[in-house]
Amino acid sequence: MTECHAKDDAILLPAIEDMIADRLAQYSAGNAFDTSGLEQARALFRLADGLDIAYLSKRIRDEGGDLGLLEP
């Protein structure tokens, strides 16, 4: 989880690696014509800074996804 602060308030967000793995899993489990999960995963992957690739790989394997799908 990542903690974000805005003035005196804070929110907890899932780790970016978890969000990427989740979107890939949704794509893998979904309709072949709905590529929104894959597109979101790729966008998050491109925008992320300082990814923990070992953790990301593990999460994607755990979710039944394919790390290779992140490369267009």
Protein backbone atom coordinates (compact mmCIF):
# COMPACT_ATOMS: atom_id res chain seq x y z
CA MET A 1 0.00 0.00 0.00
CA THR A 2 1.07 3.53 -0.70
CA GLU A 3 0.08 6.40 1.56
CA CYS A 4 -0.70 9.70 -0.16
CA HIS A 5 -1.08 12.99 1.66
CA ALA A 6 -3.06 16.08 0.72
CA LYS A 7 -2.65 18.76 3.38
CA ASP A 8 -3.89 17.11 6.60
CA ASP A 9 -5.64 14.16 4.97
CA ALA A 10 -4.17 10.83 3.88
CA ILE A 11 -5.45 7.94 1.79
CA LEU A 12 -4.03 4.48 1.23
CA LEU A 13 -3.69 3.23 -2.32
CA PRO A 14 -2.75 -0.27 -3.46
CA ALA A 15 0.78 -0.70 -4.74
CA ILE A 16 1.06 0.02 -8.47
CA GLU A 17 2.33 -3.54 -8.99
CA ASP A 18 -0.91 -4.86 -7.46
CA MET A 19 -3.03 -2.66 -9.73
CA ILE A 20 -1.12 -3.82 -12.82
CA ALA A 21 -1.48 -7.50 -11.84
CA ASP A 22 -5.19 -7.01 -11.15
CA ARG A 23 -5.83 -5.41 -14.56
CA LEU A 24 -3.94 -8.21 -16.35
CA ALA A 25 -5.96 -10.81 -14.44
CA GLN A 26 -9.21 -9.06 -15.42
CA TYR A 27 -8.10 -9.06 -19.05
CA SER A 28 -7.15 -12.76 -18.93
CA ALA A 29 -10.48 -13.74 -17.37
CA GLY A 30 -12.64 -11.52 -19.54
CA ASN A 31 -14.06 -11.23 -22.99
CA ALA A 32 -11.45 -11.37 -25.78
CA PHE A 33 -13.00 -8.26 -27.34
CA ASP A 34 -12.66 -6.16 -24.17
CA THR A 35 -9.05 -5.04 -24.00
CA SER A 36 -9.59 -2.29 -21.43
CA GLY A 37 -7.87 -4.26 -18.62
CA LEU A 38 -4.82 -4.85 -20.81
CA GLU A 39 -4.74 -1.21 -21.91
CA GLN A 40 -4.96 -0.04 -18.28
CA ALA A 41 -2.20 -2.43 -17.20
CA ARG A 42 0.07 -1.22 -20.00
CA ALA A 43 -0.61 2.43 -19.16
CA LEU A 44 0.12 1.88 -15.46
CA PHE A 45 3.30 0.00 -16.38
CA ARG A 46 4.51 2.85 -18.61
CA LEU A 47 3.67 5.56 -16.06
CA ALA A 48 5.07 3.80 -12.99
CA ASP A 49 8.41 4.88 -11.60
CA GLY A 50 10.57 2.53 -9.57
CA LEU A 51 8.59 -0.67 -10.08
CA ASP A 52 9.58 -3.71 -8.06
CA ILE A 53 9.79 -6.06 -11.05
CA ALA A 54 10.33 -9.18 -8.92
CA TYR A 55 7.18 -8.42 -6.90
CA LEU A 56 5.25 -7.49 -10.06
CA SER A 57 6.24 -10.77 -11.73
CA LYS A 58 5.17 -12.76 -8.68
CA ARG A 59 1.82 -10.95 -8.44
CA ILE A 60 1.12 -11.47 -12.13
CA ARG A 61 1.94 -15.20 -11.86
CA ASP A 62 -0.24 -15.47 -8.73
CA GLU A 63 -3.14 -13.87 -10.62
CA GLY A 64 -2.66 -16.13 -13.65
CA GLY A 65 -1.53 -13.33 -15.96
CA ASP A 66 1.32 -12.99 -18.43
CA LEU A 67 4.08 -10.42 -17.84
CA GLY A 68 4.87 -10.50 -21.56
CA LEU A 69 1.55 -8.81 -22.31
CA LEU A 70 2.83 -5.54 -20.87
CA GLU A 71 5.07 -5.02 -23.89
CA PRO A 72 3.05 -3.78 -26.88
